[in-house]
């Protein structure tokens, strides 16, 4: 039986770096496009032998702004995969991240024709004031138009990102955004609270930002959860909600330790119980591949018991938790930690599974740190 795996392609181009973004991104220049396309081909050849007995169950184009690499760059990658004759699952999920301002109808048709069957749109907010604070280059109207255009073009699996804890955000602003999503033809929502990361513009001026208080942040989260319940959507992971049957297959792979290969500068991989990352510099990434060397700059072999502890912590992000049989794999200190977390009300157990309680969902970081 073939092993199911996933592929991730990091497309680092952006027209403008958002003040909260900590990912590796570069200016959207054609010279970089050609360099990345050439490097993807070399990296694909490098890892092709690993894929001979595998079946690809999901492909994800993340960034950056992958839609800026479309149609030609994305098409080249998909054709390269197809020509390699590596088996794709019949239900292979192929996701492309995009910003609303790039999604012209002609491009949407091209994406659909080349095999993209899922869109992940960086909406963040449907309130123009919050979008301006985040320095996004689209308006709320443009965001909604992009979603409707994608749906009318033929995309029936559309995910959007929404963010709360935005500087100067109010409850009224957040409630307005939540009210707007009720009428949108979307099937999935990824919900994030703004985290001020080092090496970002927001971090440099964090003392000037007026962020919501912790009690306000909790109310924003509860409002989102309540809205999803009223829409009869399922919360299947701490930060993810969907209509029935539309959970992100690619993201589920991360939470269930499915092997994946990451291509492109700064991309992560998880393969043979080893985690590694490509160098976060397109010139050095391209140079290594041109010289037939590995572009990996960081490598970590996960050994027992750390590997099983990390897997436990990651799997607990899913609301259905873990099978009780998983406990037999755990060392004694982790079992003791699990019992303590249960006694403190962070974990629940039924006849077959252990999962986060309502309290545990709110304090997942505490749970994960105790386990790891």
Protein backbone atom coordinates (compact mmCIF):
# COMPACT_ATOMS: atom_id res chain seq x y z
CA UNK A 1 0.00 0.00 0.00
CA UNK A 2 1.40 3.38 -1.01
CA UNK A 3 2.12 6.01 1.62
CA UNK A 4 0.04 9.21 1.39
CA UNK A 5 2.12 12.38 1.33
CA UNK A 6 1.64 16.11 0.72
CA UNK A 7 3.60 18.73 -1.19
CA UNK A 8 4.05 22.38 -0.24
CA UNK A 9 5.43 25.08 -2.56
CA UNK A 10 6.50 28.38 -1.04
CA UNK A 11 5.95 31.28 -3.44
CA UNK A 12 7.63 34.26 -1.72
CA UNK A 13 6.45 37.12 -3.97
CA UNK A 14 4.54 40.07 -2.52
CA UNK A 15 3.66 43.49 -3.88
CA UNK A 16 3.87 44.80 -0.30
CA UNK A 17 4.83 43.20 2.99
CA UNK A 18 2.10 43.42 5.63
CA UNK A 19 3.18 44.90 8.98
CA UNK A 20 2.32 41.69 10.86
CA UNK A 21 3.97 39.26 8.41
CA UNK A 22 6.99 37.26 9.59
CA UNK A 23 7.25 34.92 6.58
CA UNK A 24 10.04 35.04 4.02
CA UNK A 25 8.84 37.27 1.16
CA UNK A 26 10.56 39.19 -1.65
CA UNK A 27 9.50 41.85 -4.18
CA UNK A 28 7.37 40.68 -7.09
CA UNK A 29 10.01 40.97 -9.85
CA UNK A 30 10.08 38.99 -13.09
CA UNK A 31 13.78 38.15 -12.69
CA UNK A 32 12.91 36.38 -9.44
CA UNK A 33 10.04 34.55 -11.18
CA UNK A 34 12.41 33.02 -13.72
CA UNK A 35 14.93 32.11 -11.01
CA UNK A 36 12.28 30.44 -8.84
CA UNK A 37 10.78 28.52 -11.76
CA UNK A 38 14.21 27.18 -12.72
CA UNK A 39 14.99 26.29 -9.09
CA UNK A 40 11.68 24.49 -8.55
CA UNK A 41 12.51 22.26 -11.52
CA UNK A 42 15.91 21.39 -10.02
CA UNK A 43 14.51 20.78 -6.54
CA UNK A 44 11.77 18.56 -7.99
CA UNK A 45 14.40 16.41 -9.70
CA UNK A 46 16.37 16.28 -6.44
CA UNK A 47 13.47 14.81 -4.45
CA UNK A 48 11.76 12.80 -7.19
CA UNK A 49 13.34 9.46 -6.10
CA UNK A 50 11.64 9.84 -2.69
CA UNK A 51 8.20 9.85 -4.32
CA UNK A 52 8.29 6.67 -6.37
CA UNK A 53 6.21 4.56 -3.95
CA UNK A 54 4.03 7.42 -2.66
CA UNK A 55 0.61 8.83 -3.48
CA UNK A 56 0.13 12.61 -3.40
CA UNK A 57 -2.98 13.44 -1.43
CA UNK A 58 -2.66 17.25 -1.29
CA UNK A 59 -0.67 20.06 -2.91
CA UNK A 60 -0.52 23.52 -1.36
CA UNK A 61 0.82 26.74 -2.87
CA UNK A 62 1.54 29.14 0.00
CA UNK A 63 3.45 32.36 0.40
CA UNK A 64 3.89 35.19 0.01
CA UNK A 65 1.25 35.55 -2.66
CA UNK A 66 1.17 32.46 -4.92
CA UNK A 67 -1.40 34.02 -7.25
CA UNK A 68 1.37 36.40 -8.38
CA UNK A 69 3.20 33.35 -9.76
CA UNK A 70 0.15 32.33 -11.77
CA UNK A 71 -0.68 31.26 -14.30
CA UNK A 72 2.63 30.23 -15.90
CA UNK A 73 4.71 29.43 -12.80
CA UNK A 74 1.96 27.44 -11.07
CA UNK A 75 1.11 25.66 -14.34
CA UNK A 76 4.75 24.63 -14.81
CA UNK A 77 4.83 23.04 -11.34
CA UNK A 78 1.61 21.10 -11.88
CA UNK A 79 2.70 19.90 -15.33
CA UNK A 80 6.06 18.82 -13.88
CA UNK A 81 4.25 16.74 -11.25
CA UNK A 82 1.96 15.22 -13.88
CA UNK A 83 4.82 14.33 -16.23
CA UNK A 84 6.71 12.60 -13.43
CA UNK A 85 3.89 10.01 -13.29
CA UNK A 86 3.81 10.07 -9.50
CA UNK A 87 0.33 8.97 -8.50
CA UNK A 88 -2.14 11.64 -7.42
CA UNK A 89 -5.09 10.60 -5.28
CA UNK A 90 -8.38 10.87 -7.17
CA UNK A 91 -9.52 13.39 -4.56
CA UNK A 92 -6.18 15.24 -4.41
CA UNK A 93 -6.75 18.68 -2.86
CA UNK A 94 -4.81 21.40 -4.71
CA UNK A 95 -4.92 24.72 -2.87
CA UNK A 96 -3.65 28.11 -3.95
CA UNK A 97 -3.40 31.09 -1.61
CA UNK A 98 -4.41 34.41 -3.14
CA UNK A 99 -5.20 37.99 -2.28
CA UNK A 100 -8.51 39.44 -3.51
CA UNK A 101 -6.91 42.18 -5.61
CA UNK A 102 -5.17 39.65 -7.89
CA UNK A 103 -8.19 37.46 -8.65
CA UNK A 104 -9.42 38.70 -12.00
CA UNK A 105 -12.03 36.49 -13.65
CA UNK A 106 -9.66 35.50 -16.47
CA UNK A 107 -7.10 34.27 -13.93
CA UNK A 108 -9.77 32.36 -12.00
CA UNK A 109 -10.70 30.46 -15.18
CA UNK A 110 -7.04 29.65 -15.84
CA UNK A 111 -6.51 28.39 -12.29
CA UNK A 112 -9.53 26.14 -12.54
CA UNK A 113 -8.47 24.76 -15.90
CA UNK A 114 -4.95 23.90 -14.68
CA UNK A 115 -6.30 21.87 -11.76
CA UNK A 116 -6.51 24.20 -8.75
CA UNK A 117 -9.61 22.99 -6.88
CA UNK A 118 -9.38 24.99 -3.64
CA UNK A 119 -8.71 28.67 -2.96
CA UNK A 120 -7.48 30.16 0.30
CA UNK A 121 -8.09 33.91 0.32
CA UNK A 122 -6.29 36.34 2.63
CA UNK A 123 -9.33 38.43 3.56
CA UNK A 124 -8.39 39.19 7.23
CA UNK A 125 -11.35 41.56 7.76
CA UNK A 126 -14.48 42.83 6.05
CA UNK A 127 -14.26 46.18 7.80
CA UNK A 128 -12.35 48.78 5.80
CA UNK A 129 -10.91 50.46 8.89
CA UNK A 130 -9.30 47.24 10.06
CA UNK A 131 -8.00 46.55 6.56
CA UNK A 132 -6.35 49.96 6.54
CA UNK A 133 -4.76 49.29 9.94
CA UNK A 134 -3.37 46.01 8.57
CA UNK A 135 -2.17 47.94 5.49
CA UNK A 136 -3.96 45.54 3.18
CA UNK A 137 -4.26 46.65 -0.44
CA UNK A 138 -7.84 45.45 -0.94
CA UNK A 139 -11.12 46.85 0.32
CA UNK A 140 -13.93 44.89 1.94
CA UNK A 141 -15.96 45.32 -1.26
CA UNK A 142 -13.10 43.94 -3.35
CA UNK A 143 -12.77 40.96 -1.00
CA UNK A 144 -16.44 40.05 -1.29
CA UNK A 145 -16.38 40.50 -5.06
CA UNK A 146 -13.38 38.15 -5.36
CA UNK A 147 -15.23 35.47 -3.37
CA UNK A 148 -18.39 35.74 -5.49
CA UNK A 149 -16.35 35.76 -8.71
CA UNK A 150 -14.46 32.64 -7.63
CA UNK A 151 -17.69 30.87 -6.82
CA UNK A 152 -19.35 31.86 -10.09
CA UNK A 153 -16.25 30.77 -12.03
CA UNK A 154 -16.65 27.28 -10.60
CA UNK A 155 -14.67 27.11 -7.37
CA UNK A 156 -16.74 25.20 -4.84
CA UNK A 157 -14.12 24.93 -2.10
CA UNK A 158 -13.19 28.43 -0.92
CA UNK A 159 -11.47 29.17 2.38
CA UNK A 160 -10.89 32.60 3.88
CA UNK A 161 -8.59 33.87 6.64
CA UNK A 162 -10.00 36.20 9.27
CA UNK A 163 -8.03 37.98 11.98
CA UNK A 164 -9.02 39.45 15.33
CA UNK A 165 -7.06 41.36 17.99
CA UNK A 166 -6.26 43.94 15.32
CA UNK A 167 -5.03 47.32 16.68
CA UNK A 168 -7.96 49.70 17.32
CA UNK A 169 -10.44 46.92 16.51
CA UNK A 170 -13.81 47.22 18.22
CA UNK A 171 -16.48 44.66 19.03
CA UNK A 172 -18.78 46.41 16.54
CA UNK A 173 -16.15 46.12 13.80
CA UNK A 174 -15.62 42.41 14.50
CA UNK A 175 -19.34 41.71 14.67
CA UNK A 176 -19.78 43.46 11.33
CA UNK A 177 -17.19 41.19 9.72
CA UNK A 178 -18.85 38.11 11.20
CA UNK A 179 -22.25 39.25 9.94
CA UNK A 180 -20.91 39.67 6.40
CA UNK A 181 -19.49 36.15 6.10
CA UNK A 182 -22.95 34.61 6.58
CA UNK A 183 -23.93 35.50 3.02
CA UNK A 184 -20.66 34.56 1.32
CA UNK A 185 -20.28 31.36 -0.78
CA UNK A 186 -17.38 30.00 1.30
CA UNK A 187 -16.84 26.56 2.80
CA UNK A 188 -13.95 27.02 5.21
CA UNK A 189 -12.65 29.61 7.68
CA UNK A 190 -9.21 29.89 9.29
CA UNK A 191 -9.40 32.16 12.33
CA UNK A 192 -6.33 33.87 13.78
CA UNK A 193 -5.71 36.31 16.56
CA UNK A 194 -3.01 38.80 15.64
CA UNK A 195 0.33 37.86 17.16
CA UNK A 196 3.04 40.51 17.17
CA UNK A 197 6.06 38.60 15.84
CA UNK A 198 9.71 39.76 15.99
CA UNK A 199 11.18 41.24 12.80
CA UNK A 200 7.86 42.75 11.72
CA UNK A 201 6.80 46.36 11.34
CA UNK A 202 4.20 45.96 14.08
CA UNK A 203 6.87 44.60 16.44
CA UNK A 204 9.03 47.69 15.92
CA UNK A 205 6.17 49.93 16.98
CA UNK A 206 4.37 47.57 19.35
CA UNK A 207 4.36 50.14 22.17
CA UNK A 208 2.31 52.47 19.98
CA UNK A 209 -0.36 49.90 19.07
CA UNK A 210 -3.71 49.95 20.82
CA UNK A 211 -4.50 46.25 21.05
CA UNK A 212 -7.72 44.77 22.48
CA UNK A 213 -7.55 43.74 26.13
CA UNK A 214 -7.47 39.98 26.94
CA UNK A 215 -11.11 39.97 28.04
CA UNK A 216 -12.08 41.65 24.77
CA UNK A 217 -10.05 39.13 22.79
CA UNK A 218 -11.93 36.25 24.43
CA UNK A 219 -15.24 37.89 23.52
CA UNK A 220 -14.13 38.20 19.88
CA UNK A 221 -13.31 34.49 19.83
CA UNK A 222 -16.61 33.53 21.47
CA UNK A 223 -18.50 35.67 18.96
CA UNK A 224 -16.81 33.87 16.07
CA UNK A 225 -17.52 30.45 17.58
CA UNK A 226 -21.17 31.38 18.12
CA UNK A 227 -21.49 32.64 14.54
CA UNK A 228 -20.08 29.34 13.23
CA UNK A 229 -22.53 27.38 15.37
CA UNK A 230 -25.43 29.41 14.02
CA UNK A 231 -24.19 28.73 10.48
CA UNK A 232 -24.02 25.02 11.42
CA UNK A 233 -20.32 24.86 10.63
CA UNK A 234 -17.98 22.43 12.38
CA UNK A 235 -14.99 23.55 14.42
CA UNK A 236 -12.61 20.69 13.65
CA UNK A 237 -9.32 22.26 14.76
CA UNK A 238 -8.55 25.02 17.25
CA UNK A 239 -8.42 27.73 14.56
CA UNK A 240 -10.41 26.11 11.72
CA UNK A 241 -14.11 25.85 10.89
CA UNK A 242 -15.86 24.33 7.89
CA UNK A 243 -19.07 23.16 6.32
CA UNK A 244 -19.56 19.40 6.53
CA UNK A 245 -17.04 17.66 4.27
CA UNK A 246 -14.80 20.69 3.70
CA UNK A 247 -12.06 20.29 6.31
CA UNK A 248 -8.68 21.16 4.80
CA UNK A 249 -7.12 17.84 3.85
CA UNK A 250 -3.70 19.45 3.56
CA UNK A 251 -3.83 21.06 7.00
CA UNK A 252 -5.16 17.85 8.54
CA UNK A 253 -1.92 16.29 7.34
CA UNK A 254 0.06 18.67 9.56
CA UNK A 255 -2.04 17.76 12.60
CA UNK A 256 -1.82 14.00 11.95
CA UNK A 257 1.90 13.85 11.07
CA UNK A 258 1.45 13.01 7.39
CA UNK A 259 4.85 13.24 5.62
CA UNK A 260 5.28 16.28 3.39
CA UNK A 261 7.97 17.84 1.24
CA UNK A 262 8.40 21.61 1.08
CA UNK A 263 9.82 23.28 -2.03
CA UNK A 264 11.11 26.83 -2.34
CA UNK A 265 13.15 29.22 -0.17
CA UNK A 266 12.33 28.89 3.56
CA UNK A 267 9.97 25.92 3.00
CA UNK A 268 9.71 23.29 5.73
CA UNK A 269 9.55 19.52 5.20
CA UNK A 270 8.69 16.60 7.47
CA UNK A 271 10.00 13.29 6.15
CA UNK A 272 11.15 10.04 7.77
CA UNK A 273 10.67 11.53 11.22
CA UNK A 274 12.98 14.40 10.33
CA UNK A 275 12.09 18.08 10.16
CA UNK A 276 14.10 20.39 7.93
CA UNK A 277 13.93 23.82 6.30
CA UNK A 278 15.35 25.34 3.14
CA UNK A 279 17.52 28.42 3.35
CA UNK A 280 15.40 31.59 3.57
CA UNK A 281 17.12 33.39 0.72
CA UNK A 282 16.21 32.92 -2.93
CA UNK A 283 19.74 33.56 -4.23
CA UNK A 284 21.37 31.05 -1.90
CA UNK A 285 18.53 28.57 -2.44
CA UNK A 286 18.96 28.82 -6.23
CA UNK A 287 22.78 28.67 -6.02
CA UNK A 288 22.73 25.46 -3.98
CA UNK A 289 20.41 23.75 -6.46
CA UNK A 290 22.41 24.96 -9.44
CA UNK A 291 25.47 23.37 -7.86
CA UNK A 292 23.45 20.17 -7.28
CA UNK A 293 23.60 20.65 -3.53
CA UNK A 294 20.84 20.48 -0.95
CA UNK A 295 19.19 23.87 -0.21
CA UNK A 296 18.47 22.75 3.37
CA UNK A 297 19.83 25.06 6.06
CA UNK A 298 18.28 23.47 9.16
CA UNK A 299 17.74 19.79 9.95
CA UNK A 300 16.42 18.08 13.08
CA UNK A 301 15.93 14.35 13.61
CA UNK A 302 13.08 13.68 16.02
CA UNK A 303 13.85 10.80 18.38
CA UNK A 304 11.89 9.07 21.12
CA UNK A 305 10.39 10.29 23.37
CA UNK A 306 10.42 13.84 21.97
CA UNK A 307 8.88 12.76 18.67
CA UNK A 308 5.87 11.12 20.30
CA UNK A 309 5.38 14.04 22.70
CA UNK A 310 5.32 16.51 19.81
CA UNK A 311 2.94 14.31 17.84
CA UNK A 312 0.59 14.13 20.83
CA UNK A 313 0.62 17.92 21.28
CA UNK A 314 -0.05 18.51 17.58
CA UNK A 315 -2.83 15.90 17.33
CA UNK A 316 -4.61 17.46 20.30
CA UNK A 317 -5.23 20.58 18.19
CA UNK A 318 -7.96 18.57 16.48
CA UNK A 319 -11.24 18.75 18.37
CA UNK A 320 -11.86 15.01 18.16
CA UNK A 321 -8.52 14.49 19.94
CA UNK A 322 -6.62 11.21 20.00
CA UNK A 323 -7.53 7.53 20.23
CA UNK A 324 -6.97 6.02 23.68
CA UNK A 325 -4.69 3.44 22.08
CA UNK A 326 -2.20 6.27 21.48
CA UNK A 327 -1.54 6.30 25.24
CA UNK A 328 0.36 3.01 24.99
CA UNK A 329 3.05 4.83 22.99
CA UNK A 330 3.69 7.50 25.62
CA UNK A 331 6.44 7.56 28.25
CA UNK A 332 5.46 7.62 31.91
CA UNK A 333 6.21 11.32 32.49
CA UNK A 334 3.86 12.26 29.62
CA UNK A 335 1.11 10.02 30.99
CA UNK A 336 1.53 11.75 34.35
CA UNK A 337 1.32 15.16 32.65
CA UNK A 338 -1.85 14.06 30.83
CA UNK A 339 -3.43 12.94 34.11
CA UNK A 340 -2.55 16.24 35.74
CA UNK A 341 -4.01 18.20 32.81
CA UNK A 342 -7.21 16.14 33.10
CA UNK A 343 -7.45 16.85 36.83
CA UNK A 344 -7.03 20.58 36.13
CA UNK A 345 -9.86 20.46 33.60
CA UNK A 346 -7.83 20.96 30.40
CA UNK A 347 -8.56 17.49 28.96
CA UNK A 348 -11.66 15.31 28.69
CA UNK A 349 -11.97 11.57 28.09
CA UNK A 350 -14.72 9.27 26.86
CA UNK A 351 -14.69 5.54 26.10
CA UNK A 352 -12.47 5.88 23.06
CA UNK A 353 -10.77 9.29 22.90
CA UNK A 354 -9.01 12.07 24.81
CA UNK A 355 -9.60 15.64 23.69
CA UNK A 356 -9.28 19.26 24.78
CA UNK A 357 -12.01 20.60 27.06
CA UNK A 358 -13.49 24.06 26.52
CA UNK A 359 -10.87 25.30 28.96
CA UNK A 360 -8.16 23.40 27.12
CA UNK A 361 -9.17 24.97 23.81
CA UNK A 362 -8.65 28.41 25.34
CA UNK A 363 -5.28 27.50 26.87
CA UNK A 364 -3.81 25.14 24.29
CA UNK A 365 -0.32 26.63 24.68
CA UNK A 366 -0.38 25.64 28.35
CA UNK A 367 -1.41 22.09 27.44
CA UNK A 368 1.27 21.77 24.75
CA UNK A 369 4.05 23.09 27.02
CA UNK A 370 3.11 20.61 29.77
CA UNK A 371 3.20 17.71 27.29
CA UNK A 372 6.41 18.67 25.52
